[in-house]
Protein backbone atom coordinates (compact mmCIF):
# COMPACT_ATOMS: atom_id res chain seq x y z
CA UNK A 1 -67.18 -5.27 -6.25
CA UNK A 2 -66.30 -4.88 -2.61
CA UNK A 3 -64.87 -8.39 -2.56
CA UNK A 4 -62.68 -7.64 -5.54
CA UNK A 5 -61.29 -4.44 -4.06
CA UNK A 6 -60.66 -6.20 -0.76
CA UNK A 7 -58.82 -9.01 -2.54
CA UNK A 8 -56.80 -6.55 -4.54
CA UNK A 9 -55.73 -4.66 -1.36
CA UNK A 10 -54.77 -7.98 0.25
CA UNK A 11 -52.64 -8.95 -2.76
CA UNK A 12 -50.93 -5.57 -2.73
CA UNK A 13 -50.11 -5.96 0.97
CA UNK A 14 -48.72 -9.43 0.28
CA UNK A 15 -46.57 -8.17 -2.59
CA UNK A 16 -45.35 -5.30 -0.40
CA UNK A 17 -44.41 -7.75 2.36
CA UNK A 18 -42.68 -9.97 -0.13
CA UNK A 19 -40.72 -7.08 -1.57
CA UNK A 20 -39.73 -5.92 1.88
CA UNK A 21 -38.65 -9.41 2.73
CA UNK A 22 -36.54 -9.69 -0.44
CA UNK A 23 -35.07 -6.25 0.30
CA UNK A 24 -34.13 -7.28 3.86
CA UNK A 25 -32.48 -10.50 2.56
CA UNK A 26 -30.58 -8.49 -0.06
CA UNK A 27 -29.40 -5.86 2.40
CA UNK A 28 -28.44 -8.53 4.96
CA UNK A 29 -26.56 -10.45 2.27
CA UNK A 30 -24.90 -7.29 1.04
CA UNK A 31 -23.77 -6.44 4.56
CA UNK A 32 -22.59 -9.94 5.30
CA UNK A 33 -20.60 -10.12 2.07
CA UNK A 34 -19.08 -6.72 2.58
CA UNK A 35 -18.11 -7.48 6.17
CA UNK A 36 -16.61 -10.83 5.32
CA UNK A 37 -14.30 -9.43 2.65
CA UNK A 38 -13.52 -6.36 4.71
CA UNK A 39 -12.36 -8.54 7.57
CA UNK A 40 -10.50 -10.85 5.19
CA UNK A 41 -8.49 -8.01 3.61
CA UNK A 42 -8.50 -5.02 5.93
CA UNK A 43 -9.05 -6.13 9.53
CA UNK A 44 -5.55 -6.53 11.07
CA UNK A 45 -6.89 -8.94 13.70
CA UNK A 46 -7.91 -11.51 11.08
CA UNK A 47 -5.31 -13.91 9.69
CA UNK A 48 -3.89 -12.80 6.31
CA UNK A 49 -1.88 -15.93 5.44
CA UNK A 50 -4.24 -16.86 2.59
CA UNK A 51 -3.47 -13.53 0.97
CA UNK A 52 0.24 -13.05 1.62
CA UNK A 53 1.32 -16.62 1.02
CA UNK A 54 -0.09 -16.91 -2.51
CA UNK A 55 2.96 -15.46 -4.24
CA UNK A 56 5.67 -16.70 -1.88
CA UNK A 57 8.52 -18.48 -3.65
CA UNK A 58 9.43 -20.46 -0.57
CA UNK A 59 12.86 -18.94 -0.09
CA UNK A 60 13.69 -17.32 3.23
CA UNK A 61 16.89 -15.55 4.19
CA UNK A 62 18.53 -15.72 7.54
CA UNK A 63 18.28 -12.20 8.81
CA UNK A 64 19.58 -12.70 12.31
CA UNK A 65 22.64 -10.51 11.68
CA UNK A 66 20.55 -7.88 9.89
CA UNK A 67 17.97 -7.86 12.71
CA UNK A 68 20.76 -7.29 15.23
CA UNK A 69 22.01 -4.43 13.17
CA UNK A 70 18.48 -2.95 13.06
CA UNK A 71 18.12 -3.06 16.82
CA UNK A 72 21.59 -1.64 17.39
CA UNK A 73 21.20 1.29 14.99
CA UNK A 74 17.54 2.31 15.15
CA UNK A 75 16.28 5.54 16.80
CA UNK A 76 12.58 5.09 17.52
CA UNK A 77 10.29 8.03 17.04
CA UNK A 78 6.56 8.50 17.28
CA UNK A 79 3.90 10.71 15.65
CA UNK A 80 0.10 10.88 15.56
CA UNK A 81 -1.56 9.56 12.37
CA UNK A 82 -4.27 11.51 10.58
CA UNK A 83 -6.51 8.73 11.83
CA UNK A 84 -5.51 9.61 15.42
CA UNK A 85 -3.58 6.40 15.76
CA UNK A 86 -0.07 6.30 17.28
CA UNK A 87 2.58 5.80 14.65
CA UNK A 88 6.07 4.49 15.19
CA UNK A 89 9.03 5.04 12.89
CA UNK A 90 12.73 4.41 12.94
CA UNK A 91 15.64 6.66 12.04
CA UNK A 92 19.06 5.30 11.03
CA UNK A 93 21.62 8.07 11.17
CA UNK A 94 24.68 7.64 8.99
CA UNK A 95 27.28 10.00 10.46
CA UNK A 96 28.71 10.63 6.96
CA UNK A 97 25.36 11.35 5.35
CA UNK A 98 23.23 14.47 4.80
CA UNK A 99 20.51 13.01 2.50
CA UNK A 100 17.62 10.77 3.37
CA UNK A 101 15.82 7.75 1.94
CA UNK A 102 12.36 6.96 3.27
CA UNK A 103 11.79 3.15 3.10
CA UNK A 104 8.13 2.07 3.24
CA UNK A 105 7.09 -1.55 3.88
CA UNK A 106 4.31 -3.60 2.27
CA UNK A 107 1.04 -5.28 3.28
CA UNK A 108 1.12 -7.06 6.67
CA UNK A 109 4.81 -6.25 7.00
CA UNK A 110 6.67 -3.69 9.16
CA UNK A 111 9.77 -1.50 9.15
CA UNK A 112 11.88 -4.17 10.81
CA UNK A 113 11.25 -6.55 7.92
CA UNK A 114 12.68 -3.94 5.53
CA UNK A 115 16.08 -4.18 7.24
CA UNK A 116 17.84 -5.43 4.12
CA UNK A 117 16.69 -2.40 2.14
CA UNK A 118 17.40 -0.08 5.02
CA UNK A 119 20.99 -1.30 5.44
CA UNK A 120 21.67 -1.19 1.71
CA UNK A 121 20.71 2.45 1.52
CA UNK A 122 22.60 3.16 4.74
CA UNK A 123 25.78 1.50 3.45
CA UNK A 124 25.47 3.52 0.26
CA UNK A 125 25.81 6.71 2.27
CA UNK A 126 22.29 7.77 3.19
CA UNK A 127 20.33 8.37 6.32
CA UNK A 128 17.25 6.22 6.37
CA UNK A 129 13.80 6.58 7.88
CA UNK A 130 11.37 3.59 7.95
CA UNK A 131 7.82 3.97 9.34
CA UNK A 132 5.41 1.32 10.60
CA UNK A 133 2.24 2.05 8.68
CA UNK A 134 -1.21 2.14 10.34
CA UNK A 135 -2.01 -1.19 12.07
CA UNK A 136 1.44 -2.58 11.22
CA UNK A 137 4.40 -3.20 13.48
CA UNK A 138 4.25 -1.01 16.58
CA UNK A 139 1.81 1.46 15.01
CA UNK A 140 -1.79 1.18 16.26
CA UNK A 141 -4.95 0.88 14.16
CA UNK A 142 -8.17 -1.08 13.71
CA UNK A 143 -7.90 -1.27 9.92
CA UNK A 144 -5.41 -1.45 7.13
CA UNK A 145 -5.28 1.79 5.10
CA UNK A 146 -3.79 0.20 1.91
CA UNK A 147 -1.74 3.34 1.23
CA UNK A 148 -4.58 5.84 1.57
CA UNK A 149 -4.28 7.45 4.94
CA UNK A 150 -0.78 6.06 4.98
CA UNK A 151 0.18 8.50 2.24
CA UNK A 152 -1.00 11.43 4.36
CA UNK A 153 1.00 10.09 7.26
CA UNK A 154 4.07 9.65 5.03
CA UNK A 155 3.91 13.31 3.97
CA UNK A 156 3.72 14.28 7.66
CA UNK A 157 6.66 12.01 8.45
CA UNK A 158 8.68 13.68 5.70
CA UNK A 159 7.80 17.14 7.13
CA UNK A 160 8.71 16.07 10.64
CA UNK A 161 12.07 14.48 9.71
CA UNK A 162 12.93 17.26 7.28
CA UNK A 163 12.25 19.96 9.89
CA UNK A 164 14.73 18.28 12.20
CA UNK A 165 17.39 17.96 9.50
CA UNK A 166 17.55 21.35 7.65
CA UNK A 167 15.11 20.19 4.95
CA UNK A 168 17.63 17.66 3.71
CA UNK A 169 17.12 16.23 0.20
CA UNK A 170 14.95 13.11 0.35
CA UNK A 171 13.88 10.20 -1.86
CA UNK A 172 10.79 8.02 -1.28
CA UNK A 173 11.16 4.24 -1.69
CA UNK A 174 8.47 1.72 -1.18
CA UNK A 175 7.50 -1.91 -1.97
CA UNK A 176 3.99 -3.26 -2.62
CA UNK A 177 1.56 -1.35 -0.41
CA UNK A 178 4.47 0.88 0.57
CA UNK A 179 5.02 1.66 -3.09
CA UNK A 180 1.29 2.54 -3.41
CA UNK A 181 1.74 4.73 -0.34
CA UNK A 182 4.66 6.61 -1.94
CA UNK A 183 2.83 6.97 -5.28
CA UNK A 184 -0.24 8.48 -3.56
CA UNK A 185 1.99 10.71 -1.37
CA UNK A 186 3.56 12.42 -4.42
CA UNK A 187 0.19 13.81 -5.29
CA UNK A 188 -0.18 15.60 -1.95
CA UNK A 189 1.41 18.71 -0.50
CA UNK A 190 4.92 17.28 -0.40
CA UNK A 191 7.90 19.40 0.81
CA UNK A 192 10.16 20.65 -2.02
CA UNK A 193 13.12 18.66 -0.64
CA UNK A 194 11.57 15.44 -2.06
CA UNK A 195 13.72 14.88 -5.18
CA UNK A 196 12.56 11.52 -6.60
CA UNK A 197 10.69 8.35 -5.84
CA UNK A 198 11.31 4.61 -6.39
CA UNK A 199 8.48 2.08 -6.36
CA UNK A 200 8.76 -1.69 -6.43
CA UNK A 201 5.69 -3.82 -7.18
CA UNK A 202 3.13 -1.17 -6.27
CA UNK A 203 -0.49 -1.00 -7.36
CA UNK A 204 -1.84 2.15 -9.01
CA UNK A 205 -5.51 1.60 -8.24
CA UNK A 206 -6.79 -0.24 -5.11
CA UNK A 207 -10.19 -1.16 -6.55
CA UNK A 208 -8.46 -2.71 -9.57
CA UNK A 209 -6.10 -4.65 -7.28
CA UNK A 210 -8.93 -5.95 -5.08
CA UNK A 211 -10.93 -6.98 -8.16
CA UNK A 212 -7.94 -8.96 -9.38
CA UNK A 213 -7.49 -10.61 -6.01
CA UNK A 214 -11.18 -11.49 -5.78
CA UNK A 215 -11.03 -13.27 -9.10
CA UNK A 216 -7.74 -15.03 -8.31
CA UNK A 217 -8.52 -16.21 -4.78
CA UNK A 218 -12.25 -16.86 -5.04
CA UNK A 219 -12.95 -16.91 -8.78
CA UNK A 220 -15.68 -14.32 -8.17
CA UNK A 221 -16.75 -11.38 -10.29
CA UNK A 222 -16.44 -7.88 -8.89
CA UNK A 223 -20.21 -7.49 -8.44
CA UNK A 224 -21.64 -7.55 -5.82
CA UNK A 225 -18.61 -8.24 -3.70
CA UNK A 226 -16.53 -5.14 -4.47
CA UNK A 227 -19.46 -2.70 -4.04
CA UNK A 228 -20.43 -4.44 -0.76
CA UNK A 229 -16.88 -4.37 0.59
CA UNK A 230 -16.40 -0.88 -0.62
CA UNK A 231 -19.51 0.29 1.30
CA UNK A 232 -18.45 -1.50 4.52
CA UNK A 233 -14.95 -0.12 4.20
CA UNK A 234 -16.31 3.41 4.06
CA UNK A 235 -18.44 2.75 7.13
CA UNK A 236 -15.78 0.98 9.19
CA UNK A 237 -12.55 2.61 7.95
CA UNK A 238 -13.71 5.90 6.48
CA UNK A 239 -12.47 5.50 2.92
CA UNK A 240 -13.62 4.13 -0.40
CA UNK A 241 -11.39 1.94 -2.55
CA UNK A 242 -11.46 4.67 -5.18
CA UNK A 243 -9.74 7.04 -2.68
CA UNK A 244 -6.56 4.95 -3.04
CA UNK A 245 -5.77 5.77 -6.67
CA UNK A 246 -2.47 7.24 -7.74
CA UNK A 247 -3.47 7.91 -11.30
CA UNK A 248 -3.72 11.67 -11.00
CA UNK A 249 -0.61 11.92 -8.80
CA UNK A 250 1.43 9.99 -11.35
CA UNK A 251 0.12 12.12 -14.23
CA UNK A 252 0.97 15.35 -12.48
CA UNK A 253 4.27 14.53 -10.83
CA UNK A 254 7.42 16.35 -11.85
CA UNK A 255 9.63 14.01 -9.82
CA UNK A 256 12.02 11.57 -11.48
CA UNK A 257 10.64 8.07 -11.04
CA UNK A 258 12.12 4.55 -10.98
CA UNK A 259 9.61 1.73 -11.47
CA UNK A 260 10.67 -1.84 -10.57
CA UNK A 261 8.48 -4.95 -11.00
CA UNK A 262 8.82 -8.72 -11.19
CA UNK A 263 7.53 -10.26 -14.42
CA UNK A 264 5.93 -13.20 -12.56
CA UNK A 265 4.24 -11.10 -9.89
CA UNK A 266 0.99 -12.90 -9.05
CA UNK A 267 0.00 -10.57 -6.23
CA UNK A 268 0.26 -7.19 -7.94
CA UNK A 269 0.49 -7.93 -11.67
CA UNK A 270 3.24 -6.22 -13.66
CA UNK A 271 0.56 -4.32 -15.58
CA UNK A 272 0.40 -1.97 -12.56
CA UNK A 273 4.06 -1.13 -13.02
CA UNK A 274 3.62 -0.55 -16.74
CA UNK A 275 0.58 1.64 -16.06
CA UNK A 276 2.48 3.72 -13.53
CA UNK A 277 5.33 4.17 -16.03
CA UNK A 278 2.98 5.15 -18.81
CA UNK A 279 1.12 7.67 -16.67
CA UNK A 280 4.31 9.53 -15.67
CA UNK A 281 5.48 12.35 -17.96
CA UNK A 282 8.56 13.35 -15.91
CA UNK A 283 11.94 11.64 -16.08
CA UNK A 284 11.40 7.94 -15.59
CA UNK A 285 12.83 4.45 -15.82
CA UNK A 286 11.13 1.06 -15.84
CA UNK A 287 12.90 -2.18 -15.11
CA UNK A 288 11.27 -5.61 -15.06
CA UNK A 289 12.84 -8.81 -13.70
CA UNK A 290 12.28 -12.16 -15.42
CA UNK A 291 10.96 -14.95 -13.21
CA UNK A 292 10.65 -12.67 -10.14
CA UNK A 293 7.46 -13.01 -8.07
CA UNK A 294 6.01 -10.30 -5.84
CA UNK A 295 8.79 -8.12 -4.34
CA UNK A 296 11.30 -10.93 -4.99
CA UNK A 297 13.40 -9.03 -7.53
CA UNK A 298 15.70 -7.70 -4.79
CA UNK A 299 16.53 -11.17 -3.58
CA UNK A 300 16.59 -12.91 -6.96
CA UNK A 301 18.56 -10.18 -8.77
CA UNK A 302 20.28 -8.51 -5.82
CA UNK A 303 23.38 -7.19 -7.57
CA UNK A 304 21.48 -5.93 -10.62
CA UNK A 305 18.64 -4.55 -8.51
CA UNK A 306 20.88 -2.36 -6.39
CA UNK A 307 23.02 -1.36 -9.37
CA UNK A 308 19.87 0.00 -11.07
CA UNK A 309 18.90 1.91 -7.94
CA UNK A 310 22.38 3.28 -7.36
CA UNK A 311 22.63 4.58 -10.93
CA UNK A 312 19.22 6.24 -10.61
CA UNK A 313 20.22 7.89 -7.36
CA UNK A 314 23.60 9.03 -8.79
CA UNK A 315 21.75 10.58 -11.70
CA UNK A 316 18.94 12.41 -9.83
CA UNK A 317 20.08 12.62 -6.23
CA UNK A 318 23.63 13.84 -6.23
């Protein structure tokens, strides 16, 4: 009897050790997986070429003249982020303009790379403001916010610039992550001088976008990678993927909206644009562009693209 009980206790201890060992392996694997994909997608110090090159159509424009214009006309300003990082933005003052367009760049980009959009709006008679988002361009940061904290910063930029310009009427414009930033911003405490927003190739839900990218780039299911990366992101960056979700903002907005999306977008599928359009109950327009990859509609259909935007602005911003 004593021998049996002793053996039973020994077996229980062995099972307990085994379970602890398995748990340690699982936690270690969970942490490793989460950190790997966090660094891959959200650590600005890690190369992102595998991500950003996947939907590149190979065409590059010579922007030497535009870059010179950017440098000659910019007025650099700074502000503190809600994350305590230093943010940098650029004002372009059109002496004939009173209204403002805020132009927000995409993932791994910066304000300077938006110069074509900036100059187009400037030449159409608007003042323009273009920020460098957290960990992009000259703005500091140890992680990419994917439009989350960026949307809070965008609201604060609007308040800052508006206070300096008699609360001038303003429209938000963004591409890709910048579009997600704008869509999330409209759900926050925006000043009443925001009159409309335009989004090109933005994602509505970050978790959905990351799940899509995980399948496309690695052919992996969402579990356990997304939960692992989500947990690590909360620990290292302070937010969950679910925090970057414009669904409620789009449902509740009263602002006129213009949704633009390339039909061959392999980075942020056009379904995001359709979802955004369907969620909005205010005045809205949706335009898709055949054969256009991610944020390539402006280059591929330049005349049509800007004609659509100009008509929208003339309707809701005059």
